Amino acid sequence: MNTMKKLTLSQTDKKLCGVCGGLAAYFELDSTIVRVIWIIVSLFTGIVLGVIAYLLCALLIPKNV
């Protein structure tokens, strides 16, 4: 049986919307690592771009039901 992983927002591992928790679950990483990477990338590319990317992910990634 081939089960396909789905990228969804996390309902249990979330600080704001569950984007980083969902990405961490999808890539099988610790959510703290994903959050730190997101912050570092946002700082180097411009904080506004990081916030816009986060909001887009929060809107486009479906909720885990």
N, C-alpha and C. Protein backbone atom coordinates (compact mmCIF):
# COMPACT_ATOMS: atom_id res chain seq x y z
N MET A 1 0.84 -1.18 0.00
CA MET A 1 0.00 0.00 0.00
C MET A 1 0.89 1.24 0.00
N ASN A 2 0.64 2.14 -0.93
CA ASN A 2 1.42 3.36 -1.05
C ASN A 2 0.62 4.52 -0.48
N THR A 3 1.06 5.03 0.65
CA THR A 3 0.36 6.17 1.24
C THR A 3 1.12 7.44 0.89
N MET A 4 0.41 8.40 0.37
CA MET A 4 1.02 9.66 -0.04
C MET A 4 0.90 10.68 1.08
N LYS A 5 2.03 11.35 1.37
CA LYS A 5 2.00 12.38 2.40
C LYS A 5 1.29 13.61 1.84
N LYS A 6 0.57 14.30 2.71
CA LYS A 6 -0.11 15.54 2.32
C LYS A 6 0.40 16.67 3.20
N LEU A 7 0.64 17.79 2.56
CA LEU A 7 1.05 18.99 3.28
C LEU A 7 -0.20 19.67 3.80
N THR A 8 -0.31 19.78 5.12
CA THR A 8 -1.45 20.44 5.74
C THR A 8 -0.95 21.31 6.89
N LEU A 9 -1.78 22.26 7.29
CA LEU A 9 -1.47 23.06 8.48
C LEU A 9 -1.61 22.18 9.71
N SER A 10 -0.71 22.33 10.64
CA SER A 10 -0.78 21.56 11.87
C SER A 10 -1.82 22.15 12.82
N GLN A 11 -2.63 21.30 13.39
CA GLN A 11 -3.61 21.74 14.38
C GLN A 11 -3.07 21.62 15.80
N THR A 12 -2.01 20.84 15.98
CA THR A 12 -1.48 20.60 17.32
C THR A 12 -0.15 21.31 17.57
N ASP A 13 0.68 21.41 16.53
CA ASP A 13 2.01 22.02 16.67
C ASP A 13 2.01 23.36 15.96
N LYS A 14 1.41 24.36 16.60
CA LYS A 14 1.32 25.67 15.97
C LYS A 14 1.54 26.78 16.97
N LYS A 15 2.12 27.87 16.46
CA LYS A 15 2.29 29.08 17.24
C LYS A 15 1.32 30.15 16.73
N LEU A 16 1.22 30.27 15.41
CA LEU A 16 0.28 31.22 14.81
C LEU A 16 -0.79 30.47 14.03
N CYS A 17 -0.42 29.99 12.86
CA CYS A 17 -1.40 29.33 11.99
C CYS A 17 -1.10 27.85 11.75
N GLY A 18 0.06 27.37 12.16
CA GLY A 18 0.42 25.97 11.96
C GLY A 18 1.22 25.70 10.70
N VAL A 19 1.72 26.76 10.06
CA VAL A 19 2.48 26.59 8.82
C VAL A 19 3.78 25.83 9.08
N CYS A 20 4.58 26.30 10.01
CA CYS A 20 5.86 25.65 10.29
C CYS A 20 5.69 24.25 10.85
N GLY A 21 4.68 24.05 11.68
CA GLY A 21 4.39 22.71 12.20
C GLY A 21 3.99 21.76 11.09
N GLY A 22 3.20 22.25 10.14
CA GLY A 22 2.80 21.43 9.00
C GLY A 22 3.96 21.10 8.09
N LEU A 23 4.82 22.08 7.83
CA LEU A 23 6.01 21.83 7.02
C LEU A 23 6.94 20.85 7.72
N ALA A 24 7.09 20.99 9.02
CA ALA A 24 7.95 20.08 9.78
C ALA A 24 7.42 18.65 9.72
N ALA A 25 6.13 18.48 9.85
CA ALA A 25 5.54 17.14 9.78
C ALA A 25 5.72 16.55 8.38
N TYR A 26 5.55 17.37 7.35
CA TYR A 26 5.66 16.89 5.97
C TYR A 26 7.09 16.45 5.66
N PHE A 27 8.08 17.23 6.10
CA PHE A 27 9.48 16.91 5.82
C PHE A 27 10.13 16.08 6.93
N GLU A 28 9.35 15.69 7.93
CA GLU A 28 9.80 14.87 9.05
C GLU A 28 10.99 15.52 9.77
N LEU A 29 10.80 16.80 10.12
CA LEU A 29 11.80 17.57 10.86
C LEU A 29 11.19 18.07 12.16
N ASP A 30 12.03 18.56 13.04
CA ASP A 30 11.56 19.19 14.27
C ASP A 30 11.00 20.57 13.91
N SER A 31 9.86 20.92 14.45
CA SER A 31 9.23 22.19 14.10
C SER A 31 10.05 23.41 14.54
N THR A 32 10.83 23.26 15.59
CA THR A 32 11.69 24.36 16.03
C THR A 32 12.75 24.67 14.97
N ILE A 33 13.28 23.65 14.34
CA ILE A 33 14.26 23.85 13.28
C ILE A 33 13.62 24.58 12.11
N VAL A 34 12.42 24.19 11.73
CA VAL A 34 11.72 24.85 10.63
C VAL A 34 11.45 26.32 10.97
N ARG A 35 11.05 26.58 12.20
CA ARG A 35 10.79 27.97 12.62
C ARG A 35 12.06 28.81 12.58
N VAL A 36 13.18 28.26 13.06
CA VAL A 36 14.44 29.00 13.05
C VAL A 36 14.89 29.26 11.62
N ILE A 37 14.78 28.27 10.75
CA ILE A 37 15.15 28.45 9.34
C ILE A 37 14.27 29.52 8.71
N TRP A 38 12.96 29.48 8.99
CA TRP A 38 12.05 30.49 8.43
C TRP A 38 12.45 31.90 8.88
N ILE A 39 12.79 32.05 10.14
CA ILE A 39 13.19 33.36 10.67
C ILE A 39 14.49 33.83 10.02
N ILE A 40 15.47 32.95 9.91
CA ILE A 40 16.75 33.32 9.31
C ILE A 40 16.57 33.72 7.85
N VAL A 41 15.83 32.92 7.10
CA VAL A 41 15.58 33.24 5.69
C VAL A 41 14.82 34.56 5.58
N SER A 42 13.86 34.78 6.45
CA SER A 42 13.10 36.04 6.43
C SER A 42 13.99 37.24 6.73
N LEU A 43 14.91 37.09 7.65
CA LEU A 43 15.81 38.20 7.98
C LEU A 43 16.73 38.54 6.81
N PHE A 44 17.20 37.52 6.10
CA PHE A 44 18.13 37.77 4.99
C PHE A 44 17.43 38.20 3.71
N THR A 45 16.15 37.91 3.55
CA THR A 45 15.45 38.27 2.32
C THR A 45 14.52 39.46 2.52
N GLY A 46 14.41 39.92 3.70
CA GLY A 46 13.50 41.02 3.99
C GLY A 46 12.33 40.50 4.78
N ILE A 47 12.07 41.10 5.90
CA ILE A 47 11.04 40.60 6.82
C ILE A 47 9.65 40.65 6.17
N VAL A 48 9.40 41.67 5.38
CA VAL A 48 8.10 41.79 4.73
C VAL A 48 7.85 40.60 3.81
N LEU A 49 8.88 40.19 3.06
CA LEU A 49 8.74 39.05 2.17
C LEU A 49 8.45 37.76 2.96
N GLY A 50 9.11 37.60 4.10
CA GLY A 50 8.87 36.43 4.94
C GLY A 50 7.46 36.40 5.51
N VAL A 51 6.95 37.56 5.90
CA VAL A 51 5.58 37.65 6.43
C VAL A 51 4.56 37.36 5.33
N ILE A 52 4.80 37.92 4.14
CA ILE A 52 3.89 37.67 3.01
C ILE A 52 3.90 36.18 2.65
N ALA A 53 5.08 35.57 2.62
CA ALA A 53 5.17 34.13 2.31
C ALA A 53 4.43 33.30 3.36
N TYR A 54 4.58 33.67 4.63
CA TYR A 54 3.89 32.94 5.70
C TYR A 54 2.37 33.06 5.55
N LEU A 55 1.90 34.27 5.28
CA LEU A 55 0.46 34.48 5.12
C LEU A 55 -0.08 33.73 3.91
N LEU A 56 0.67 33.72 2.82
CA LEU A 56 0.25 32.96 1.64
C LEU A 56 0.18 31.47 1.95
N CYS A 57 1.17 30.96 2.66
CA CYS A 57 1.15 29.55 3.04
C CYS A 57 -0.05 29.26 3.94
N ALA A 58 -0.32 30.16 4.88
CA ALA A 58 -1.44 29.96 5.80
C ALA A 58 -2.77 29.93 5.05
N LEU A 59 -2.87 30.69 3.97
CA LEU A 59 -4.10 30.73 3.18
C LEU A 59 -4.20 29.57 2.20
N LEU A 60 -3.08 29.14 1.63
CA LEU A 60 -3.10 28.15 0.56
C LEU A 60 -3.00 26.70 1.03
N ILE A 61 -2.30 26.47 2.14
CA ILE A 61 -2.15 25.10 2.63
C ILE A 61 -3.43 24.71 3.36
N PRO A 62 -4.02 23.57 3.00
CA PRO A 62 -5.28 23.19 3.65
C PRO A 62 -5.08 22.78 5.11
N LYS A 63 -6.15 22.90 5.88
CA LYS A 63 -6.11 22.50 7.29
C LYS A 63 -6.15 20.98 7.39
N ASN A 64 -5.51 20.47 8.43
CA ASN A 64 -5.51 19.02 8.69
C ASN A 64 -6.82 18.67 9.38
N VAL A 65 -7.67 17.97 8.69
CA VAL A 65 -9.00 17.66 9.25
C VAL A 65 -9.08 16.21 9.65
